[in-house]
Amino acid sequence: MASEKLGNPAVVGLAGFGITTLLLQFHNLGFTGTGIVFCAAMMFGGGAQLVAGFLEFKAGNNFGFSAFVSYGAFWLALGAIWFIADLQGAGVGAIGPHLKVSGHDIGIFLLAYTIYTAIMFYGSLRIHQAMAFTFLTLLIGFIGLDLVFLAGMKNLLTITAIDLIICAGGALYMMAAIIYADLSGRSILPVGKPILR
């Protein structure tokens, strides 16, 4: 009996990552407020990526499992950070004196994800060039955000946002490559060969 064909969870995980990253950079460039980014972070960047990650676990894909769950948790945590900061700004003290967020704290949070992304970038070199490109631009973006929040180099925010828009494009390109290949029965959008073997 032929096994039932299953969907590839990466098409949801990559979409969640790509769309939410794109929306955050639109905010960083001043095109929109944080409201839509918060909602996308909770539902798509966070929730949908977590689901995709757990399905990658079922498929035996440790790279996808780690990436989608970890970056899904990133978006949920970032949304929670914004929520705490918003309560602080409104003078609400009910969340307690220990739940406070500063720009430096956000920088440390981003630094931790920079380290994780560097690890994943090395792994991406063994998948294909599109994945390596996406993780390279993500790593550069995190480094840029580290410098903005930890070194006060706010002049880097615009170039960092542009880099992360390119990163989001890389994720959406890979999503499209998977979907188009499945629909047509052949590769339509090239993703390249692994850089390391």
C-alpha atoms as a PDB file:
ATOM      1  CA  MET A   1       0.000   0.000   0.000  1.00  0.00           C
ATOM      2  CA  ALA A   2       1.425   3.388  -0.970  1.00  0.00           C
ATOM      3  CA  SER A   3       1.973   5.770   1.900  1.00  0.00           C
ATOM      4  CA  GLU A   4      -0.254   8.830   2.052  1.00  0.00           C
ATOM      5  CA  LYS A   5       1.412  11.988   0.766  1.00  0.00           C
ATOM      6  CA  LEU A   6       1.964  14.571   3.472  1.00  0.00           C
ATOM      7  CA  GLY A   7       2.441  18.305   3.159  1.00  0.00           C
ATOM      8  CA  ASN A   8       5.814  19.920   3.765  1.00  0.00           C
ATOM      9  CA  PRO A   9       5.598  21.965   7.004  1.00  0.00           C
ATOM     10  CA  ALA A  10       8.373  24.248   5.754  1.00  0.00           C
ATOM     11  CA  VAL A  11       5.907  26.057   3.471  1.00  0.00           C
ATOM     12  CA  VAL A  12       4.057  27.322   6.561  1.00  0.00           C
ATOM     13  CA  GLY A  13       7.163  27.928   8.678  1.00  0.00           C
ATOM     14  CA  LEU A  14       8.941  29.891   5.949  1.00  0.00           C
ATOM     15  CA  ALA A  15       5.806  31.938   5.249  1.00  0.00           C
ATOM     16  CA  GLY A  16       5.366  32.736   8.934  1.00  0.00           C
ATOM     17  CA  PHE A  17       8.985  33.769   9.285  1.00  0.00           C
ATOM     18  CA  GLY A  18       9.085  35.717   6.031  1.00  0.00           C
ATOM     19  CA  ILE A  19       5.826  37.659   6.421  1.00  0.00           C
ATOM     20  CA  THR A  20       6.397  38.588  10.081  1.00  0.00           C
ATOM     21  CA  THR A  21       9.992  39.631   9.439  1.00  0.00           C
ATOM     22  CA  LEU A  22       8.801  41.749   6.521  1.00  0.00           C
ATOM     23  CA  LEU A  23       6.147  43.462   8.638  1.00  0.00           C
ATOM     24  CA  LEU A  24       8.618  44.233  11.431  1.00  0.00           C
ATOM     25  CA  GLN A  25      10.988  45.866   8.951  1.00  0.00           C
ATOM     26  CA  PHE A  26       8.134  47.942   7.544  1.00  0.00           C
ATOM     27  CA  HIS A  27       7.684  49.162  11.123  1.00  0.00           C
ATOM     28  CA  ASN A  28      11.420  49.799  11.536  1.00  0.00           C
ATOM     29  CA  LEU A  29      11.343  51.904   8.373  1.00  0.00           C
ATOM     30  CA  GLY A  30       8.408  53.909   9.706  1.00  0.00           C
ATOM     31  CA  PHE A  31       5.728  52.578   7.351  1.00  0.00           C
ATOM     32  CA  THR A  32       3.462  51.107  10.053  1.00  0.00           C
ATOM     33  CA  GLY A  33       2.948  50.915  13.793  1.00  0.00           C
ATOM     34  CA  THR A  34       3.613  47.918  16.008  1.00  0.00           C
ATOM     35  CA  GLY A  35      -0.015  46.761  16.248  1.00  0.00           C
ATOM     36  CA  ILE A  36      -0.076  44.633  13.108  1.00  0.00           C
ATOM     37  CA  VAL A  37       3.446  43.367  13.832  1.00  0.00           C
ATOM     38  CA  PHE A  38       2.365  42.275  17.319  1.00  0.00           C
ATOM     39  CA  CYS A  39      -0.651  40.392  15.942  1.00  0.00           C
ATOM     40  CA  ALA A  40       1.400  38.730  13.189  1.00  0.00           C
ATOM     41  CA  ALA A  41       4.107  37.843  15.707  1.00  0.00           C
ATOM     42  CA  MET A  42       1.583  36.099  17.944  1.00  0.00           C
ATOM     43  CA  MET A  43      -0.354  34.269  15.261  1.00  0.00           C
ATOM     44  CA  PHE A  44       1.850  33.724  12.225  1.00  0.00           C
ATOM     45  CA  GLY A  45       5.474  34.259  13.207  1.00  0.00           C
ATOM     46  CA  GLY A  46       4.908  32.594  16.568  1.00  0.00           C
ATOM     47  CA  GLY A  47       1.960  30.242  16.407  1.00  0.00           C
ATOM     48  CA  ALA A  48       2.240  28.991  12.832  1.00  0.00           C
ATOM     49  CA  GLN A  49       6.003  28.522  13.057  1.00  0.00           C
ATOM     50  CA  LEU A  50       5.638  26.476  16.229  1.00  0.00           C
ATOM     51  CA  VAL A  51       3.148  24.197  14.488  1.00  0.00           C
ATOM     52  CA  ALA A  52       5.499  23.877  11.496  1.00  0.00           C
ATOM     53  CA  GLY A  53       8.401  23.089  13.814  1.00  0.00           C
ATOM     54  CA  PHE A  54       6.521  20.337  15.608  1.00  0.00           C
ATOM     55  CA  LEU A  55       5.574  18.828  12.245  1.00  0.00           C
ATOM     56  CA  GLU A  56       9.233  18.972  11.187  1.00  0.00           C
ATOM     57  CA  PHE A  57       9.950  16.923  14.309  1.00  0.00           C
ATOM     58  CA  LYS A  58       7.462  14.307  13.096  1.00  0.00           C
ATOM     59  CA  ALA A  59       9.217  14.332   9.711  1.00  0.00           C
ATOM     60  CA  GLY A  60      12.605  13.748  11.379  1.00  0.00           C
ATOM     61  CA  ASN A  61      14.066  17.081  10.249  1.00  0.00           C
ATOM     62  CA  ASN A  62      16.129  18.393  13.179  1.00  0.00           C
ATOM     63  CA  PHE A  63      17.191  21.572  11.348  1.00  0.00           C
ATOM     64  CA  GLY A  64      13.621  22.570  10.526  1.00  0.00           C
ATOM     65  CA  PHE A  65      12.413  21.468  13.972  1.00  0.00           C
ATOM     66  CA  SER A  66      14.976  23.655  15.727  1.00  0.00           C
ATOM     67  CA  ALA A  67      14.646  26.631  13.381  1.00  0.00           C
ATOM     68  CA  PHE A  68      10.863  26.911  13.279  1.00  0.00           C
ATOM     69  CA  VAL A  69      10.306  26.277  16.989  1.00  0.00           C
ATOM     70  CA  SER A  70      13.146  28.595  18.028  1.00  0.00           C
ATOM     71  CA  TYR A  71      12.177  31.476  15.752  1.00  0.00           C
ATOM     72  CA  GLY A  72       8.503  30.894  16.495  1.00  0.00           C
ATOM     73  CA  ALA A  73       9.375  31.276  20.181  1.00  0.00           C
ATOM     74  CA  PHE A  74      11.365  34.397  19.256  1.00  0.00           C
ATOM     75  CA  TRP A  75       8.263  36.071  17.858  1.00  0.00           C
ATOM     76  CA  LEU A  76       6.124  35.070  20.834  1.00  0.00           C
ATOM     77  CA  ALA A  77       8.784  36.343  23.239  1.00  0.00           C
ATOM     78  CA  LEU A  78       9.175  39.591  21.290  1.00  0.00           C
ATOM     79  CA  GLY A  79       5.418  40.117  21.438  1.00  0.00           C
ATOM     80  CA  ALA A  80       5.489  39.520  25.197  1.00  0.00           C
ATOM     81  CA  ILE A  81       8.390  41.993  25.546  1.00  0.00           C
ATOM     82  CA  TRP A  82       6.398  44.633  23.640  1.00  0.00           C
ATOM     83  CA  PHE A  83       3.381  43.928  25.844  1.00  0.00           C
ATOM     84  CA  ILE A  84       5.387  44.394  29.058  1.00  0.00           C
ATOM     85  CA  ALA A  85       7.017  47.539  27.678  1.00  0.00           C
ATOM     86  CA  ASP A  86       3.602  48.906  26.719  1.00  0.00           C
ATOM     87  CA  LEU A  87       2.281  48.306  30.230  1.00  0.00           C
ATOM     88  CA  GLN A  88       5.358  50.054  31.619  1.00  0.00           C
ATOM     89  CA  GLY A  89       4.762  53.016  29.347  1.00  0.00           C
ATOM     90  CA  ALA A  90       1.150  53.234  30.508  1.00  0.00           C
ATOM     91  CA  GLY A  91       2.259  53.226  34.135  1.00  0.00           C
ATOM     92  CA  VAL A  92       0.655  49.868  34.923  1.00  0.00           C
ATOM     93  CA  GLY A  93       2.510  48.249  37.806  1.00  0.00           C
ATOM     94  CA  ALA A  94       0.315  45.196  38.282  1.00  0.00           C
ATOM     95  CA  ILE A  95       2.749  42.922  36.449  1.00  0.00           C
ATOM     96  CA  GLY A  96       5.237  43.372  39.279  1.00  0.00           C
ATOM     97  CA  PRO A  97       8.479  45.258  39.814  1.00  0.00           C
ATOM     98  CA  HIS A  98      10.658  42.511  38.336  1.00  0.00           C
ATOM     99  CA  LEU A  99       9.005  42.356  34.912  1.00  0.00           C
ATOM    100  CA  LYS A 100      10.645  45.391  33.363  1.00  0.00           C
ATOM    101  CA  VAL A 101      12.167  45.788  29.914  1.00  0.00           C
ATOM    102  CA  SER A 102      14.876  48.212  28.826  1.00  0.00           C
ATOM    103  CA  GLY A 103      16.524  48.791  25.457  1.00  0.00           C
ATOM    104  CA  HIS A 104      19.639  47.084  26.830  1.00  0.00           C
ATOM    105  CA  ASP A 105      17.563  44.053  27.867  1.00  0.00           C
ATOM    106  CA  ILE A 106      16.175  43.780  24.331  1.00  0.00           C
ATOM    107  CA  GLY A 107      19.753  43.964  23.043  1.00  0.00           C
ATOM    108  CA  ILE A 108      20.778  41.014  25.234  1.00  0.00           C
ATOM    109  CA  PHE A 109      17.744  39.064  23.996  1.00  0.00           C
ATOM    110  CA  LEU A 110      18.787  39.770  20.400  1.00  0.00           C
ATOM    111  CA  LEU A 111      22.417  38.849  21.162  1.00  0.00           C
ATOM    112  CA  ALA A 112      21.325  35.414  22.382  1.00  0.00           C
ATOM    113  CA  TYR A 113      19.484  34.879  19.100  1.00  0.00           C
ATOM    114  CA  THR A 114      22.533  36.124  17.185  1.00  0.00           C
ATOM    115  CA  ILE A 115      24.545  33.272  18.709  1.00  0.00           C
ATOM    116  CA  TYR A 116      21.819  30.770  17.848  1.00  0.00           C
ATOM    117  CA  THR A 117      21.585  32.123  14.299  1.00  0.00           C
ATOM    118  CA  ALA A 118      25.356  31.784  13.821  1.00  0.00           C
ATOM    119  CA  ILE A 119      25.059  28.106  14.749  1.00  0.00           C
ATOM    120  CA  MET A 120      22.174  27.628  12.347  1.00  0.00           C
ATOM    121  CA  PHE A 121      23.978  29.534   9.589  1.00  0.00           C
ATOM    122  CA  TYR A 122      26.769  26.957   9.655  1.00  0.00           C
ATOM    123  CA  GLY A 123      24.172  24.199   9.413  1.00  0.00           C
ATOM    124  CA  SER A 124      22.454  25.967   6.507  1.00  0.00           C
ATOM    125  CA  LEU A 125      25.657  25.655   4.468  1.00  0.00           C
ATOM    126  CA  ARG A 126      24.948  21.913   4.243  1.00  0.00           C
ATOM    127  CA  ILE A 127      21.379  22.358   2.924  1.00  0.00           C
ATOM    128  CA  HIS A 128      21.455  24.603  -0.160  1.00  0.00           C
ATOM    129  CA  GLN A 129      22.532  28.058  -1.273  1.00  0.00           C
ATOM    130  CA  ALA A 130      19.123  29.693  -0.818  1.00  0.00           C
ATOM    131  CA  MET A 131      19.019  28.537   2.799  1.00  0.00           C
ATOM    132  CA  ALA A 132      22.588  29.719   3.390  1.00  0.00           C
ATOM    133  CA  PHE A 133      21.791  33.112   1.852  1.00  0.00           C
ATOM    134  CA  THR A 134      18.698  33.511   4.026  1.00  0.00           C
ATOM    135  CA  PHE A 135      20.582  32.627   7.201  1.00  0.00           C
ATOM    136  CA  LEU A 136      23.509  34.856   6.257  1.00  0.00           C
ATOM    137  CA  THR A 137      21.239  37.864   5.836  1.00  0.00           C
ATOM    138  CA  LEU A 138      19.465  36.928   9.084  1.00  0.00           C
ATOM    139  CA  LEU A 139      22.793  36.761  10.922  1.00  0.00           C
ATOM    140  CA  ILE A 140      23.840  40.138   9.503  1.00  0.00           C
ATOM    141  CA  GLY A 141      20.457  41.532  10.546  1.00  0.00           C
ATOM    142  CA  PHE A 142      20.810  40.298  14.120  1.00  0.00           C
ATOM    143  CA  ILE A 143      24.319  41.752  14.340  1.00  0.00           C
ATOM    144  CA  GLY A 144      22.949  45.065  13.084  1.00  0.00           C
ATOM    145  CA  LEU A 145      20.192  45.008  15.715  1.00  0.00           C
ATOM    146  CA  ASP A 146      22.757  44.147  18.402  1.00  0.00           C
ATOM    147  CA  LEU A 147      24.706  47.251  17.456  1.00  0.00           C
ATOM    148  CA  VAL A 148      21.537  49.365  17.465  1.00  0.00           C
ATOM    149  CA  PHE A 149      20.383  48.227  20.915  1.00  0.00           C
ATOM    150  CA  LEU A 150      23.673  47.493  22.702  1.00  0.00           C
ATOM    151  CA  ALA A 151      26.038  50.050  21.141  1.00  0.00           C
ATOM    152  CA  GLY A 152      23.485  52.781  20.502  1.00  0.00           C
ATOM    153  CA  MET A 153      24.261  52.849  16.755  1.00  0.00           C
ATOM    154  CA  LYS A 154      20.725  53.824  15.751  1.00  0.00           C
ATOM    155  CA  ASN A 155      21.960  55.013  12.355  1.00  0.00           C
ATOM    156  CA  LEU A 156      22.302  51.325  11.408  1.00  0.00           C
ATOM    157  CA  LEU A 157      18.579  50.612  11.807  1.00  0.00           C
ATOM    158  CA  THR A 158      17.625  51.528   8.226  1.00  0.00           C
ATOM    159  CA  ILE A 159      20.336  49.423   6.558  1.00  0.00           C
ATOM    160  CA  THR A 160      19.582  46.583   8.983  1.00  0.00           C
ATOM    161  CA  ALA A 161      15.882  46.757   8.065  1.00  0.00           C
ATOM    162  CA  ILE A 162      16.753  46.596   4.361  1.00  0.00           C
ATOM    163  CA  ASP A 163      18.985  43.568   4.994  1.00  0.00           C
ATOM    164  CA  LEU A 164      16.164  41.833   6.882  1.00  0.00           C
ATOM    165  CA  ILE A 165      13.681  42.598   4.089  1.00  0.00           C
ATOM    166  CA  ILE A 166      16.086  40.736   1.788  1.00  0.00           C
ATOM    167  CA  CYS A 167      16.195  37.927   4.379  1.00  0.00           C
ATOM    168  CA  ALA A 168      12.385  37.769   4.404  1.00  0.00           C
ATOM    169  CA  GLY A 169      12.473  37.600   0.613  1.00  0.00           C
ATOM    170  CA  GLY A 170      14.853  34.637   0.840  1.00  0.00           C
ATOM    171  CA  ALA A 171      12.441  32.777   3.125  1.00  0.00           C
ATOM    172  CA  LEU A 172       9.472  33.487   0.864  1.00  0.00           C
ATOM    173  CA  TYR A 173      11.509  32.451  -2.187  1.00  0.00           C
ATOM    174  CA  MET A 174      12.238  29.065  -0.591  1.00  0.00           C
ATOM    175  CA  MET A 175       8.554  28.680   0.302  1.00  0.00           C
ATOM    176  CA  ALA A 176       7.603  29.400  -3.313  1.00  0.00           C
ATOM    177  CA  ALA A 177      10.257  26.970  -4.593  1.00  0.00           C
ATOM    178  CA  ILE A 178       8.760  24.133  -2.528  1.00  0.00           C
ATOM    179  CA  ILE A 179       5.161  24.903  -3.524  1.00  0.00           C
ATOM    180  CA  TYR A 180       5.903  25.371  -7.237  1.00  0.00           C
ATOM    181  CA  ALA A 181       8.003  22.188  -7.390  1.00  0.00           C
ATOM    182  CA  ASP A 182       5.168  20.231  -5.768  1.00  0.00           C
ATOM    183  CA  LEU A 183       2.531  21.657  -8.101  1.00  0.00           C
ATOM    184  CA  SER A 184       4.524  21.168 -11.292  1.00  0.00           C
ATOM    185  CA  GLY A 185       6.334  17.963 -10.419  1.00  0.00           C
ATOM    186  CA  ARG A 186       9.712  19.551 -11.148  1.00  0.00           C
ATOM    187  CA  SER A 187      11.992  22.250  -9.841  1.00  0.00           C
ATOM    188  CA  ILE A 188      10.938  25.715 -11.025  1.00  0.00           C
ATOM    189  CA  LEU A 189      12.884  28.046  -8.729  1.00  0.00           C
ATOM    190  CA  PRO A 190      16.496  26.951  -8.197  1.00  0.00           C
ATOM    191  CA  VAL A 191      17.810  26.841  -4.635  1.00  0.00           C
ATOM    192  CA  GLY A 192      21.384  25.801  -5.437  1.00  0.00           C
ATOM    193  CA  LYS A 193      23.586  23.057  -4.080  1.00  0.00           C
ATOM    194  CA  PRO A 194      24.971  22.690  -0.554  1.00  0.00           C
ATOM    195  CA  ILE A 195      28.048  24.852   0.018  1.00  0.00           C
ATOM    196  CA  LEU A 196      29.514  22.307   2.448  1.00  0.00           C
ATOM    197  CA  ARG A 197      29.211  18.554   2.185  1.00  0.00           C
END
